[in-house]
């Protein structure tokens, strides 16, 4: 995949966003390997904008690593400052999975009440929960209350 080309203004914005980031991948003295590429790819999928620390002292080698990563992973090289490389690739939108097992309406929920002494079995109670209800911390059902409107404000026509 070829590297993404950005305008100087876009690159400047990405540098500003990356300023506070910490490096998520470190490349040791062995250089660029398949494992490092996989880690950089995973970090780009998760974060989009990442910093990579290269332990090598050779600037030309760091430039080559930046160009190689950008070209192989389809990312944009944002910045190379010292031993830090900044890469960006847009995050692919996640597909929303439609669940067929969730249906709106009443649902039956089991509420467990454990004994205080710990020597007895927990009490199991099945309760039907409607859409306007919630289960409180003590296992009680609470209904949603209507919002109170201010009496000082005039009623709006809506």
Protein backbone atom coordinates (compact mmCIF):
# COMPACT_ATOMS: atom_id res chain seq x y z
CA UNK A 1 0.00 0.00 0.00
CA UNK A 2 1.37 3.42 -0.82
CA UNK A 3 1.80 6.00 1.92
CA UNK A 4 -0.92 8.63 2.47
CA UNK A 5 -0.02 12.13 1.28
CA UNK A 6 -1.08 15.00 3.53
CA UNK A 7 -0.95 18.75 3.04
CA UNK A 8 1.43 20.71 5.28
CA UNK A 9 -1.54 22.10 7.24
CA UNK A 10 -2.92 18.62 7.89
CA UNK A 11 0.53 17.40 8.92
CA UNK A 12 0.83 20.36 11.31
CA UNK A 13 -2.51 19.47 12.94
CA UNK A 14 -1.44 15.84 13.37
CA UNK A 15 1.88 16.93 14.93
CA UNK A 16 -0.06 19.03 17.42
CA UNK A 17 -2.34 16.08 18.27
CA UNK A 18 0.67 13.77 18.71
CA UNK A 19 2.56 16.13 21.01
CA UNK A 20 1.17 14.69 24.25
CA UNK A 21 1.33 11.03 23.14
CA UNK A 22 3.83 8.52 24.49
CA UNK A 23 5.55 5.99 22.22
CA UNK A 24 3.52 2.79 21.91
CA UNK A 25 6.09 0.75 19.96
CA UNK A 26 9.85 0.59 20.46
CA UNK A 27 12.22 -0.66 17.77
CA UNK A 28 15.43 -2.09 19.22
CA UNK A 29 18.90 -2.38 17.76
CA UNK A 30 17.80 -5.33 15.62
CA UNK A 31 15.82 -2.93 13.45
CA UNK A 32 12.55 -3.44 11.65
CA UNK A 33 11.19 -7.00 11.79
CA UNK A 34 7.86 -8.64 10.95
CA UNK A 35 6.84 -8.65 14.62
CA UNK A 36 7.50 -4.93 14.93
CA UNK A 37 5.48 -4.27 11.77
CA UNK A 38 2.55 -6.27 13.17
CA UNK A 39 2.67 -4.29 16.42
CA UNK A 40 2.78 -0.97 14.58
CA UNK A 41 -0.14 -2.09 12.39
CA UNK A 42 -2.17 -3.13 15.46
CA UNK A 43 -1.41 0.20 17.16
CA UNK A 44 -2.46 2.12 14.04
CA UNK A 45 -5.73 0.16 13.90
CA UNK A 46 -6.42 0.91 17.56
CA UNK A 47 -5.25 4.52 17.84
CA UNK A 48 -4.77 5.97 14.37
CA UNK A 49 -1.99 8.34 15.44
CA UNK A 50 1.04 6.79 17.14
CA UNK A 51 4.61 7.46 18.16
CA UNK A 52 7.36 4.90 17.59
CA UNK A 53 10.71 5.05 19.41
CA UNK A 54 13.76 3.81 17.47
CA UNK A 55 16.84 2.93 19.53
CA UNK A 56 19.25 3.25 16.60
CA UNK A 57 21.71 6.18 16.56
CA UNK A 58 21.87 6.30 12.75
CA UNK A 59 19.57 9.04 11.41
CA UNK A 60 19.53 7.63 7.87
CA UNK A 61 18.39 4.27 9.23
CA UNK A 62 15.57 5.96 11.17
CA UNK A 63 14.49 7.81 8.01
CA UNK A 64 14.46 4.52 6.14
CA UNK A 65 12.38 2.85 8.89
CA UNK A 66 9.85 5.70 8.79
CA UNK A 67 9.53 5.49 5.00
CA UNK A 68 9.28 1.69 5.07
CA UNK A 69 6.60 1.63 7.77
CA UNK A 70 4.57 4.32 6.02
CA UNK A 71 4.78 2.52 2.67
CA UNK A 72 4.07 -1.04 3.90
CA UNK A 73 1.26 -0.11 6.29
CA UNK A 74 -0.41 2.57 4.18
CA UNK A 75 0.19 5.29 6.76
CA UNK A 76 1.26 8.91 6.54
CA UNK A 77 4.68 9.84 7.94
CA UNK A 78 3.95 12.86 10.13
CA UNK A 79 7.20 13.66 11.92
CA UNK A 80 10.70 12.40 12.62
CA UNK A 81 12.24 14.21 15.55
CA UNK A 82 15.22 12.68 17.29
CA UNK A 83 14.54 9.00 17.90
CA UNK A 84 10.75 9.41 17.70
CA UNK A 85 8.70 8.69 14.61
CA UNK A 86 5.07 9.77 14.29
CA UNK A 87 2.71 7.85 11.97
CA UNK A 88 -0.97 8.38 11.18
CA UNK A 89 -3.55 6.26 9.42
CA UNK A 90 -7.32 6.87 9.55
CA UNK A 91 -9.19 4.39 11.71
CA UNK A 92 -11.65 2.28 9.74
CA UNK A 93 -15.23 2.68 10.93
CA UNK A 94 -16.47 -0.30 12.91
CA UNK A 95 -19.42 -2.19 11.53
CA UNK A 96 -22.42 -2.12 13.81
CA UNK A 97 -23.73 -5.62 14.40
CA UNK A 98 -27.48 -5.95 14.55
CA UNK A 99 -28.39 -8.34 17.32
CA UNK A 100 -31.46 -10.46 16.73
CA UNK A 101 -31.66 -11.74 20.31
CA UNK A 102 -32.38 -8.30 21.85
CA UNK A 103 -35.98 -7.28 21.62
CA UNK A 104 -37.56 -4.25 23.30
CA UNK A 105 -40.14 -4.81 25.99
CA UNK A 106 -40.37 -6.51 29.36
CA UNK A 107 -37.59 -8.83 30.37
CA UNK A 108 -37.25 -11.31 33.21
CA UNK A 109 -34.26 -10.83 35.49
CA UNK A 110 -32.97 -13.00 38.34
CA UNK A 111 -32.10 -11.10 41.53
CA UNK A 112 -29.78 -12.85 43.98
CA UNK A 113 -29.77 -11.86 47.65
CA UNK A 114 -26.90 -13.45 49.56
CA UNK A 115 -27.19 -14.24 53.26
CA UNK A 116 -25.31 -11.98 55.65
CA UNK A 117 -23.71 -14.87 57.50
CA UNK A 118 -22.57 -16.66 54.36
CA UNK A 119 -23.73 -20.05 55.64
CA UNK A 120 -27.03 -20.14 53.76
CA UNK A 121 -27.92 -20.27 50.10
CA UNK A 122 -28.63 -17.12 48.18
CA UNK A 123 -32.30 -16.24 47.66
CA UNK A 124 -33.25 -16.21 43.98
CA UNK A 125 -36.13 -13.98 42.93
CA UNK A 126 -37.34 -13.64 39.33
CA UNK A 127 -38.66 -10.19 38.47
CA UNK A 128 -40.15 -8.76 35.28
CA UNK A 129 -38.52 -5.42 34.45
CA UNK A 130 -40.36 -3.00 32.20
CA UNK A 131 -38.80 -0.32 30.04
CA UNK A 132 -39.31 2.46 32.59
CA UNK A 133 -37.83 0.49 35.49
CA UNK A 134 -34.38 -0.15 36.83
CA UNK A 135 -32.95 -2.40 39.52
CA UNK A 136 -31.50 -0.51 42.48
CA UNK A 137 -28.46 -1.63 44.44
CA UNK A 138 -30.55 -3.47 47.05
CA UNK A 139 -32.38 -5.49 44.41
CA UNK A 140 -35.48 -3.30 44.50
CA UNK A 141 -37.31 -2.18 41.39
CA UNK A 142 -37.41 1.55 40.85
CA UNK A 143 -39.64 3.28 38.35
CA UNK A 144 -38.41 6.26 36.41
CA UNK A 145 -39.99 9.40 37.75
CA UNK A 146 -41.21 12.22 35.56
CA UNK A 147 -38.99 15.24 35.26
CA UNK A 148 -40.01 18.12 37.45
CA UNK A 149 -40.39 21.41 35.64
CA UNK A 150 -39.81 24.72 37.24
CA UNK A 151 -42.96 26.52 38.40
CA UNK A 152 -41.24 29.85 37.85
CA UNK A 153 -40.75 29.36 34.13
CA UNK A 154 -43.84 29.87 32.01
CA UNK A 155 -45.14 26.79 30.24
CA UNK A 156 -43.92 26.64 26.67
CA UNK A 157 -46.21 25.67 23.83
CA UNK A 158 -44.81 22.45 22.44
